[in-house]
Each structure stands twice: as C-alpha cells, then as structure tokens.
Amino acid sequence: MERRNFLRASVLGASTVAFSGSLWRGTAFAAPAQNATGPYGPLQAADANGIQLPAGFTSQVIARSGQAVPGTSYTWHNAPDGGACFADGSGWIYVSNSEINPNGGASALRFNSSGTVTSAYRILSGTRTNCAGGKTPWNTWLSCEEVDRGFVYETYPFGGTAVQRPAMGRFKHEAAAADPVRQVVYLTEDETNGRFYRFIPTTWGDLSSGTLQVLVAGSATSGSFTWANVPDPDGSPTATRSQVSGSKSFNGGEGCHYADDTVWFTTKGDNRVWQVNLANSTYELAYDDSLVSPGTPPLTGVDNVTGSTYGDLYVAEDGGNMEICLITPDDKISPFLRITGQGSSEITGPAFNPAGNRLYFSSQRGTSGSSSGGITYCVTGPFRT
C-alpha cells in the first residue's frame, strides 16, 4: 500500500475556509486503518438515551420526528439524514435532510451560544428521498436526491428560496463536498456501480452552470486517476455512470468529506473508505473491513462521514451495530459511540458545531424502526482540537 500524509482537517467558517493549526501532521503513515484503542478510551455503559460514550462525554436528544422541536412549534421531519453545521454569530445552525418520498426536503435548527435551540424551520420542501449532501463555503446546503436521475438542490439555511441545480448532473445523488482550492464540488452516487464525480462551476460560488466530470482510473484499490467530462449530465437516455469509458466503478457511494487537498468518501457495498489525494492525483483505501487486524472489523455498513478540527474522521454506520467510528490521522480505527436498542435504524448526519465541541447526528428510525421514529442527538465532550 502506498504511503501518505494524512492532513489536518479544515474548519469551515461562516463564509471562507480557515485552517486550524499546522496543515501537516508531519509523519507519513500506512493505510488502510487498523484496530486500536480509541483516543478517548473504551465505551462506557449506555446512558439514559441508550448511547454508549467514552468517559467525559454526554448525550442529549435535540428533536424527534413528528414532534415539536422543544422550545419551538416546528414539527421535526421524518427520517432525518445528512446534515451540516453553519456558524451563526455566536451560535450556529444545524441542517438535516429528510429521506422520505415524496415530500422529503430539509429542515434547520438554530442554536444560541449555549447550545439551546432558538428556532426551527423548513429550508426545502417537495423533493424526494433527500439523503446526504454537503456544505458550501458560501454557507448554502446542497441537498441531494437519492433517486434515479435525482437532482441537487441548493438551499439557504440563513434565508432564501431553494434552487434546483441540474448542471450538477442527474443521477442517484448521495453526498457532496466542496473544494475551495480547486473550486469544485465532489459528488458520490449510490449505485452498486456508481461513480465519483466533480462539478466545476463556470463561476465559483454560482452552481447554475458548469462542467460535470467523472473519475477515471483502473480497477485496483490504489493508483493514479484523471478526470473526464460527462457528455450528458442529464443522464437520459444513457446514465451518467455509463457515458465515459474507463470511469471507475464504486460499490454504493455514500458520505463525502473534503479537507486540505484530500477528499474521503465511503462505499457501503464493500465497507470501504476511499481517500483521494488531490495534490498528486492518486487514490487509495483509508479503510477496508476485509483488511482489518487484529480482531473483528469495527466499522460495517459505512455511510455518512465528517471530520473534526484535529483531523479525525467520524464515520457513521447504516447497519453494523449502530456505531460512529473514529479513524485517527495515524490510521487507527475504533468505535466512538454506540446506540443501543435501535437495531432497525441507521446513524445519519454527523456534523460538528463551529467550535468543534458538539457532535450532532440522528438515528433515522429510532427505537420504532420506522421513518416516523427518527431522533436527532447532540454529544458534548472533550473532543480533541
């Protein structure tokens, strides 16, 4: 396996990308990640919310599907999925998709500086199966439809009418990640033979027009890659994933996260986390459950992913044993939390608040196993920064 530098994750500010501390960890490590004790120690017994956490961390229920968000009159949506946080003065906003069809869309929760919800509201309505998405540097949320020839919708957590962005391609969208250095947006596709794309806007900050490209590479799990234009981003009559000879197939593209010349994305079909090294146009595995030793792979059903200011990756499970697992910069993997008693659900939407001391996420179907049983949580504690 190639050697690589795992770069420190970036902190997305209110309107720009700011870097926290040194950009380089300074040491090359081997990938993919292997089992190890986590940086926060072992999981403790489940708390009152049924969540096992390391010592020093606490959980809180923020909202429940079908119920008014505490402190507001807004009814939280069903099947909460992908999410992100946005700085809002001394507080922040957490946005969350609704993975139902029809009438999916997305909602937002506004928090004050103490982490109390001050308002809740809709930012997207009338769409289908809004699964994951991504935050832009200009403080919009890209909500992605996980349906055949689905759209990306640009939404406005701070106010404004959502806009459909067909130039970003019509396919079974999953997640998006903005790269302000190359001024592109990366996109995953949730198909067993999905592709990994990037969209190059004609003007950075305006997603109304641009060029959709697909990653071209061999069949190996590491190597070099190039980009090729997708001739027909509309995907009809030929699906976008079938238009470019030599484009690389990925088994069920899911979450996507960018930081410091690197983009990571997950594939649920083969329980992998892929690392794309943009500075030298190479790719490799950051995690593969079939290559973990010693012991049992901790991460299965890989799904949404986010990063901390320290450079740790947090990967949520759809399946497995309802964990969020942590991959450290030195390629060690361990469970960070586990939700008990919700085996018919999945963990979605992990995102840190701007200070990096609160992690938001949802159990999409909660204890009921139904989309109407979703629960959105916050974990607070001594996250390393």
Protein backbone atom coordinates (compact mmCIF):
# COMPACT_ATOMS: atom_id res chain seq x y z
CA MET A 1 0.00 0.00 0.00
CA GLU A 2 1.24 3.47 -0.82
CA ARG A 3 2.44 5.71 1.96
CA ARG A 4 0.67 9.01 2.52
CA ASN A 5 0.37 12.12 4.63
CA PHE A 6 -2.93 12.43 6.46
CA LEU A 7 -3.57 16.17 6.51
CA ARG A 8 -5.18 18.09 9.29
CA ALA A 9 -8.87 18.72 8.68
CA SER A 10 -10.04 22.20 7.83
CA VAL A 11 -12.54 24.28 9.75
CA LEU A 12 -15.32 25.68 7.56
CA GLY A 13 -16.02 29.19 8.75
CA ALA A 14 -19.02 31.38 8.12
CA SER A 15 -18.04 32.26 4.57
CA THR A 16 -14.50 31.04 3.98
CA VAL A 17 -12.33 28.05 4.73
CA ALA A 18 -9.89 28.64 7.58
CA PHE A 19 -7.16 26.23 8.62
CA SER A 20 -6.62 25.29 12.26
CA GLY A 21 -3.01 24.91 13.32
CA SER A 22 -0.39 23.32 11.13
CA LEU A 23 -1.63 21.89 7.88
CA TRP A 24 0.65 18.91 8.18
CA ARG A 25 0.72 16.23 10.82
CA GLY A 26 4.30 15.77 9.71
CA THR A 27 4.54 11.97 9.58
CA ALA A 28 3.71 9.54 6.82
CA PHE A 29 1.54 6.59 7.83
CA ALA A 30 0.40 3.42 6.13
CA ALA A 31 -3.22 2.90 5.16
CA PRO A 32 -5.76 1.40 5.48
CA ALA A 33 -6.73 1.89 9.12
CA GLN A 34 -6.34 -0.89 11.69
CA ASN A 35 -7.98 -1.71 15.05
CA ALA A 36 -6.70 0.15 18.09
CA THR A 37 -7.86 1.65 21.36
CA GLY A 38 -9.57 4.95 20.67
CA PRO A 39 -8.06 8.28 21.78
CA TYR A 40 -10.91 8.74 24.29
CA GLY A 41 -10.75 5.26 25.81
CA PRO A 42 -13.37 2.50 25.95
CA LEU A 43 -17.12 2.99 25.68
CA GLN A 44 -18.98 3.21 28.96
CA ALA A 45 -22.39 1.73 29.81
CA ALA A 46 -25.34 3.15 27.90
CA ASP A 47 -26.68 6.45 29.24
CA ALA A 48 -30.34 7.41 29.71
CA ASN A 49 -30.63 7.92 25.93
CA GLY A 50 -29.28 4.43 25.20
CA ILE A 51 -25.94 5.74 23.91
CA GLN A 52 -22.57 4.31 24.92
CA LEU A 53 -19.89 7.01 25.01
CA PRO A 54 -16.33 7.38 26.29
CA ALA A 55 -15.89 8.81 29.76
CA GLY A 56 -16.41 12.57 29.88
CA PHE A 57 -18.95 12.72 27.04
CA THR A 58 -22.71 13.24 27.40
CA SER A 59 -25.65 12.95 25.01
CA GLN A 60 -28.84 14.96 24.59
CA VAL A 61 -31.97 14.46 22.49
CA ILE A 62 -32.48 17.56 20.35
CA ALA A 63 -35.55 16.65 18.28
CA ARG A 64 -37.88 13.76 17.45
CA SER A 65 -39.67 13.09 14.18
CA GLY A 66 -43.35 14.06 14.25
CA GLN A 67 -42.95 16.11 17.43
CA ALA A 68 -42.45 19.83 18.00
CA VAL A 69 -38.79 20.71 18.48
CA PRO A 70 -38.51 21.69 22.17
CA GLY A 71 -38.81 25.44 22.56
CA THR A 72 -40.49 25.86 19.17
CA SER A 73 -43.76 25.00 17.43
CA TYR A 74 -41.98 23.40 14.44
CA THR A 75 -42.60 19.69 13.83
CA TRP A 76 -39.34 17.83 13.13
CA HIS A 77 -39.26 15.89 9.86
CA ASN A 78 -39.32 12.12 9.39
CA ALA A 79 -36.24 10.05 8.53
CA PRO A 80 -33.54 12.63 9.33
CA ASP A 81 -30.46 12.01 7.21
CA GLY A 82 -27.42 14.03 6.06
CA GLY A 83 -26.55 17.19 7.95
CA ALA A 84 -24.09 20.03 8.48
CA CYS A 85 -23.42 22.95 10.82
CA PHE A 86 -23.07 26.64 9.93
CA ALA A 87 -21.65 29.40 12.10
CA ASP A 88 -24.31 31.98 13.01
CA GLY A 89 -22.81 34.80 15.04
CA SER A 90 -22.08 33.38 18.48
CA GLY A 91 -24.37 30.43 17.75
CA TRP A 92 -24.83 28.01 14.86
CA ILE A 93 -27.34 26.28 12.60
CA TYR A 94 -27.66 22.54 12.06
CA VAL A 95 -29.41 21.44 8.87
CA SER A 96 -30.86 17.97 8.30
CA ASN A 97 -32.31 16.21 5.26
CA SER A 98 -35.48 14.11 5.23
CA GLU A 99 -35.08 10.82 3.39
CA ILE A 100 -38.73 10.20 2.53
CA ASN A 101 -40.52 10.07 -0.82
CA PRO A 102 -42.49 12.14 -1.63
CA ASN A 103 -42.10 15.38 0.34
CA GLY A 104 -38.58 14.88 1.64
CA GLY A 105 -36.68 18.15 1.77
CA ALA A 106 -34.66 19.58 4.64
CA SER A 107 -35.05 21.50 7.90
CA ALA A 108 -32.82 23.64 10.11
CA LEU A 109 -32.27 24.14 13.83
CA ARG A 110 -30.84 27.44 15.07
CA PHE A 111 -28.83 27.38 18.33
CA ASN A 112 -27.59 30.16 20.59
CA SER A 113 -24.10 30.23 22.07
CA SER A 114 -25.11 27.90 24.92
CA GLY A 115 -26.41 25.25 22.52
CA THR A 116 -30.11 25.89 23.12
CA VAL A 117 -32.49 25.73 20.16
CA THR A 118 -33.95 29.16 19.46
CA SER A 119 -35.87 28.35 16.27
CA ALA A 120 -36.58 25.57 13.78
CA TYR A 121 -37.79 25.91 10.20
CA ARG A 122 -38.04 24.37 6.73
CA ILE A 123 -35.43 25.16 4.07
CA LEU A 124 -36.54 22.71 1.33
CA SER A 125 -39.89 21.13 0.50
CA GLY A 126 -41.50 18.96 -2.17
CA THR A 127 -38.44 16.90 -3.11
CA ARG A 128 -37.75 13.17 -2.97
CA THR A 129 -35.56 10.99 -0.75
CA ASN A 130 -33.13 13.69 0.33
CA CYS A 131 -30.32 11.56 1.65
CA ALA A 132 -26.99 13.31 2.18
CA GLY A 133 -25.47 16.46 0.70
CA GLY A 134 -22.79 18.95 1.57
CA LYS A 135 -21.99 22.42 2.85
CA THR A 136 -20.56 25.12 0.58
CA PRO A 137 -18.01 27.79 1.59
CA TRP A 138 -20.67 30.44 0.83
CA ASN A 139 -22.96 28.99 3.50
CA THR A 140 -25.51 27.06 1.49
CA TRP A 141 -26.51 23.43 1.93
CA LEU A 142 -26.57 21.09 -1.08
CA SER A 143 -29.41 18.64 -0.51
CA CYS A 144 -29.15 15.56 -2.74
CA GLU A 145 -31.97 13.36 -4.02
CA GLU A 146 -31.15 9.66 -3.81
CA VAL A 147 -33.46 8.62 -6.65
CA ASP A 148 -32.93 7.70 -10.29
CA ARG A 149 -31.98 10.90 -12.12
CA GLY A 150 -32.26 12.84 -8.89
CA PHE A 151 -31.30 16.49 -8.53
CA VAL A 152 -29.07 18.52 -6.27
CA TYR A 153 -30.90 21.40 -4.59
CA GLU A 154 -29.03 24.41 -3.24
CA THR A 155 -30.72 25.55 -0.03
CA TYR A 156 -30.27 28.61 2.16
CA PRO A 157 -30.13 27.98 5.93
CA PHE A 158 -29.94 31.73 6.63
CA GLY A 159 -32.97 32.51 4.48
CA GLY A 160 -33.88 32.26 0.81
CA THR A 161 -35.66 30.01 -1.66
CA ALA A 162 -34.04 26.69 -2.56
CA VAL A 163 -32.89 26.29 -6.18
CA GLN A 164 -32.60 23.15 -8.30
CA ARG A 165 -29.10 22.72 -9.80
CA PRO A 166 -29.46 20.41 -12.84
CA ALA A 167 -25.99 21.28 -14.17
CA MET A 168 -24.58 19.18 -11.31
CA GLY A 169 -25.96 16.08 -13.00
CA ARG A 170 -28.99 13.87 -12.72
CA PHE A 171 -28.24 10.55 -11.05
CA LYS A 172 -28.80 8.83 -7.70
CA HIS A 173 -27.05 11.52 -5.69
CA GLU A 174 -25.75 10.84 -2.21
CA ALA A 175 -23.25 13.34 -0.82
CA ALA A 176 -21.31 16.43 -1.87
CA ALA A 177 -18.10 18.07 -0.65
CA ALA A 178 -16.81 21.49 -1.71
CA ASP A 179 -13.13 22.03 -2.51
CA PRO A 180 -12.33 25.77 -2.36
CA VAL A 181 -8.76 25.26 -3.58
CA ARG A 182 -9.70 23.72 -6.92
CA GLN A 183 -13.10 25.41 -6.86
CA VAL A 184 -15.04 22.22 -7.48
CA VAL A 185 -17.70 20.14 -5.73
CA TYR A 186 -17.23 16.36 -5.40
CA LEU A 187 -20.28 14.10 -5.68
CA THR A 188 -20.99 10.46 -4.79
CA GLU A 189 -23.50 8.15 -6.46
CA ASP A 190 -25.39 5.48 -4.52
CA GLU A 191 -25.46 2.68 -7.10
CA THR A 192 -23.74 -0.70 -6.95
CA ASN A 193 -21.76 0.51 -9.96
CA GLY A 194 -21.79 4.18 -9.05
CA ARG A 195 -19.16 6.72 -9.96
CA PHE A 196 -17.27 9.51 -8.23
CA TYR A 197 -17.79 12.91 -9.82
CA ARG A 198 -16.71 16.51 -9.57
CA PHE A 199 -18.60 19.58 -10.73
CA ILE A 200 -16.63 22.61 -11.94
CA PRO A 201 -18.84 25.71 -11.77
CA THR A 202 -18.38 28.27 -14.51
CA THR A 203 -18.06 30.80 -11.68
CA TRP A 204 -17.07 29.66 -8.18
CA GLY A 205 -19.97 30.34 -5.85
CA ASP A 206 -22.56 30.01 -8.63
CA LEU A 207 -23.76 26.46 -9.29
CA SER A 208 -26.15 27.33 -12.10
CA SER A 209 -23.73 26.27 -14.83
CA GLY A 210 -20.52 24.34 -15.19
CA THR A 211 -18.92 21.05 -16.21
CA LEU A 212 -19.59 17.63 -14.69
CA GLN A 213 -16.63 15.25 -14.70
CA VAL A 214 -16.11 11.65 -13.61
CA LEU A 215 -13.05 9.98 -12.08
CA VAL A 216 -11.18 7.71 -14.49
CA ALA A 217 -8.88 5.02 -13.07
CA GLY A 218 -8.10 1.32 -13.16
CA SER A 219 -9.80 -1.44 -11.22
CA ALA A 220 -7.23 -1.59 -8.40
CA THR A 221 -7.79 -0.19 -4.90
CA SER A 222 -4.96 2.32 -5.33
CA GLY A 223 -3.29 4.14 -8.16
CA SER A 224 -3.43 7.31 -10.20
CA PHE A 225 -6.51 8.90 -11.72
CA THR A 226 -7.68 11.54 -14.17
CA TRP A 227 -10.95 13.36 -14.76
CA ALA A 228 -13.11 13.18 -17.91
CA ASN A 229 -16.11 15.27 -18.95
CA VAL A 230 -19.53 13.62 -18.72
CA PRO A 231 -21.06 14.31 -22.16
CA ASP A 232 -24.68 14.45 -20.97
CA PRO A 233 -25.12 15.38 -17.30
CA ASP A 234 -28.90 14.99 -17.72
CA GLY A 235 -28.37 11.21 -17.77
CA SER A 236 -31.01 10.37 -20.38
CA PRO A 237 -31.18 8.10 -22.22
CA THR A 238 -27.72 6.95 -21.03
CA ALA A 239 -26.99 7.12 -17.29
CA THR A 240 -24.09 9.38 -16.36
CA ARG A 241 -22.18 6.42 -14.90
CA SER A 242 -22.22 4.67 -18.28
CA GLN A 243 -21.13 7.53 -20.51
CA VAL A 244 -17.34 7.56 -20.05
CA SER A 245 -15.25 4.53 -20.92
CA GLY A 246 -12.69 3.81 -18.20
CA SER A 247 -14.54 5.66 -15.44
CA LYS A 248 -14.02 3.84 -12.15
CA SER A 249 -16.92 1.95 -10.57
CA PHE A 250 -17.59 2.22 -6.82
CA ASN A 251 -19.98 -0.02 -4.90
CA GLY A 252 -22.58 2.23 -3.32
CA GLY A 253 -21.14 5.71 -2.87
CA GLU A 254 -22.21 7.33 0.41
CA GLY A 255 -20.65 10.08 2.57
CA CYS A 256 -18.05 12.55 1.33
CA HIS A 257 -15.70 14.91 3.20
CA TYR A 258 -13.01 17.34 1.99
CA ALA A 259 -10.07 18.76 3.94
CA ASP A 260 -6.61 20.01 2.92
CA ASP A 261 -6.08 18.63 -0.58
CA THR A 262 -7.80 15.35 0.29
CA VAL A 263 -11.33 14.08 -0.22
CA TRP A 264 -12.63 10.99 1.53
CA PHE A 265 -15.75 9.10 0.55
CA THR A 266 -17.38 5.87 1.65
CA THR A 267 -18.83 2.90 -0.24
CA LYS A 268 -21.38 0.90 1.69
CA GLY A 269 -21.48 -2.07 -0.66
CA ASP A 270 -17.94 -3.14 0.24
CA ASN A 271 -17.43 -1.35 3.59
CA ARG A 272 -14.64 0.90 2.42
CA VAL A 273 -13.46 4.45 3.00
CA TRP A 274 -11.63 5.83 -0.02
CA GLN A 275 -9.01 8.56 0.10
CA VAL A 276 -8.40 10.72 -2.96
CA ASN A 277 -5.12 12.63 -2.78
CA LEU A 278 -5.77 15.66 -4.92
CA ALA A 279 -2.28 17.17 -4.82
CA ASN A 280 -0.75 14.22 -6.66
CA SER A 281 -3.85 12.70 -8.36
CA THR A 282 -3.72 9.34 -6.59
CA TYR A 283 -6.31 7.34 -4.66
CA GLU A 284 -6.12 4.60 -2.03
CA LEU A 285 -8.04 2.96 0.80
CA ALA A 286 -8.31 4.67 4.17
CA TYR A 287 -10.35 1.71 5.49
CA ASP A 288 -11.43 -1.72 4.27
CA ASP A 289 -13.22 -4.09 6.63
CA SER A 290 -11.63 -7.11 4.90
CA LEU A 291 -8.12 -5.82 5.70
CA VAL A 292 -8.54 -5.03 9.40
CA SER A 293 -6.41 -6.76 12.02
CA PRO A 294 -6.30 -7.83 14.73
CA GLY A 295 -9.83 -8.84 15.63
CA THR A 296 -13.23 -8.03 14.18
CA PRO A 297 -13.67 -5.00 11.90
CA PRO A 298 -15.36 -2.27 13.96
CA LEU A 299 -16.95 -0.46 11.01
CA THR A 300 -19.54 -2.06 8.72
CA GLY A 301 -22.34 -0.52 6.69
CA VAL A 302 -20.22 2.62 6.21
CA ASP A 303 -22.30 5.68 5.45
CA ASN A 304 -22.10 9.40 6.31
CA VAL A 305 -18.70 10.84 7.20
CA THR A 306 -17.41 14.07 8.72
CA GLY A 307 -14.12 15.35 10.09
CA SER A 308 -13.00 17.15 13.24
CA THR A 309 -10.68 20.13 13.52
CA TYR A 310 -7.98 17.73 14.76
CA GLY A 311 -8.08 15.65 11.59
CA ASP A 312 -10.06 12.66 12.87
CA LEU A 313 -12.69 11.14 10.57
CA TYR A 314 -16.04 10.16 12.09
CA VAL A 315 -17.85 7.51 10.04
CA ALA A 316 -21.47 6.57 10.76
CA GLU A 317 -22.94 3.10 10.28
CA ASP A 318 -26.04 2.09 8.36
CA GLY A 319 -26.19 -1.40 9.77
CA GLY A 320 -23.39 -2.88 11.79
CA ASN A 321 -24.09 -2.27 15.48
CA MET A 322 -25.15 1.39 15.22
CA GLU A 323 -21.79 2.99 15.84
CA ILE A 324 -19.95 6.10 14.82
CA CYS A 325 -16.35 5.00 14.36
CA LEU A 326 -13.29 7.23 14.52
CA ILE A 327 -10.31 6.99 12.17
CA THR A 328 -7.31 8.89 13.51
CA PRO A 329 -4.58 10.62 11.48
CA ASP A 330 -2.25 7.70 12.26
CA ASP A 331 -4.66 5.21 10.68
CA LYS A 332 -6.21 3.71 13.80
CA ILE A 333 -9.91 2.90 13.96
CA SER A 334 -12.16 2.45 16.98
CA PRO A 335 -15.82 2.95 17.98
CA PHE A 336 -16.51 6.45 19.29
CA LEU A 337 -20.14 5.82 20.24
CA ARG A 338 -22.77 3.11 20.00
CA ILE A 339 -26.57 3.48 20.08
CA THR A 340 -28.26 0.54 21.80
CA GLY A 341 -31.78 -0.78 21.32
CA GLN A 342 -32.15 0.65 17.80
CA GLY A 343 -31.03 -2.21 15.58
CA SER A 344 -33.54 -1.37 12.83
CA SER A 345 -32.20 2.13 12.33
CA GLU A 346 -29.07 3.80 10.96
CA ILE A 347 -26.90 6.70 12.10
CA THR A 348 -27.01 9.75 9.85
CA GLY A 349 -25.91 13.35 9.56
CA PRO A 350 -22.81 13.62 11.79
CA ALA A 351 -21.57 17.22 11.94
CA PHE A 352 -19.58 19.31 14.40
CA ASN A 353 -20.57 22.77 15.58
CA PRO A 354 -18.06 25.52 14.66
CA ALA A 355 -16.19 25.25 17.98
CA GLY A 356 -15.76 21.51 17.48
CA ASN A 357 -17.07 20.57 20.94
CA ARG A 358 -20.53 19.31 19.95
CA LEU A 359 -21.31 16.50 17.53
CA TYR A 360 -24.81 16.35 16.02
CA PHE A 361 -26.27 13.24 14.37
CA SER A 362 -29.52 11.32 14.03
CA SER A 363 -30.87 7.82 14.39
CA GLN A 364 -33.01 7.79 11.28
CA ARG A 365 -35.68 5.37 12.52
CA GLY A 366 -35.04 5.43 16.26
CA THR A 367 -36.45 2.73 18.52
CA SER A 368 -39.52 2.15 16.34
CA GLY A 369 -37.69 1.16 13.17
CA SER A 370 -39.99 3.50 11.24
CA SER A 371 -39.17 6.74 9.42
CA SER A 372 -41.58 8.47 11.81
CA GLY A 373 -39.37 7.46 14.76
CA GLY A 374 -36.26 9.49 13.94
CA ILE A 375 -34.25 11.03 16.78
CA THR A 376 -31.66 13.81 16.45
CA TYR A 377 -28.94 13.95 19.11
CA CYS A 378 -26.07 16.08 20.31
CA VAL A 379 -22.94 14.72 22.02
CA THR A 380 -20.85 17.16 24.05
CA GLY A 381 -17.42 16.50 25.47
CA PRO A 382 -13.66 16.97 25.32
CA PHE A 383 -13.17 16.45 21.59
CA ARG A 384 -9.54 16.98 20.67
CA THR A 385 -8.94 20.04 18.53
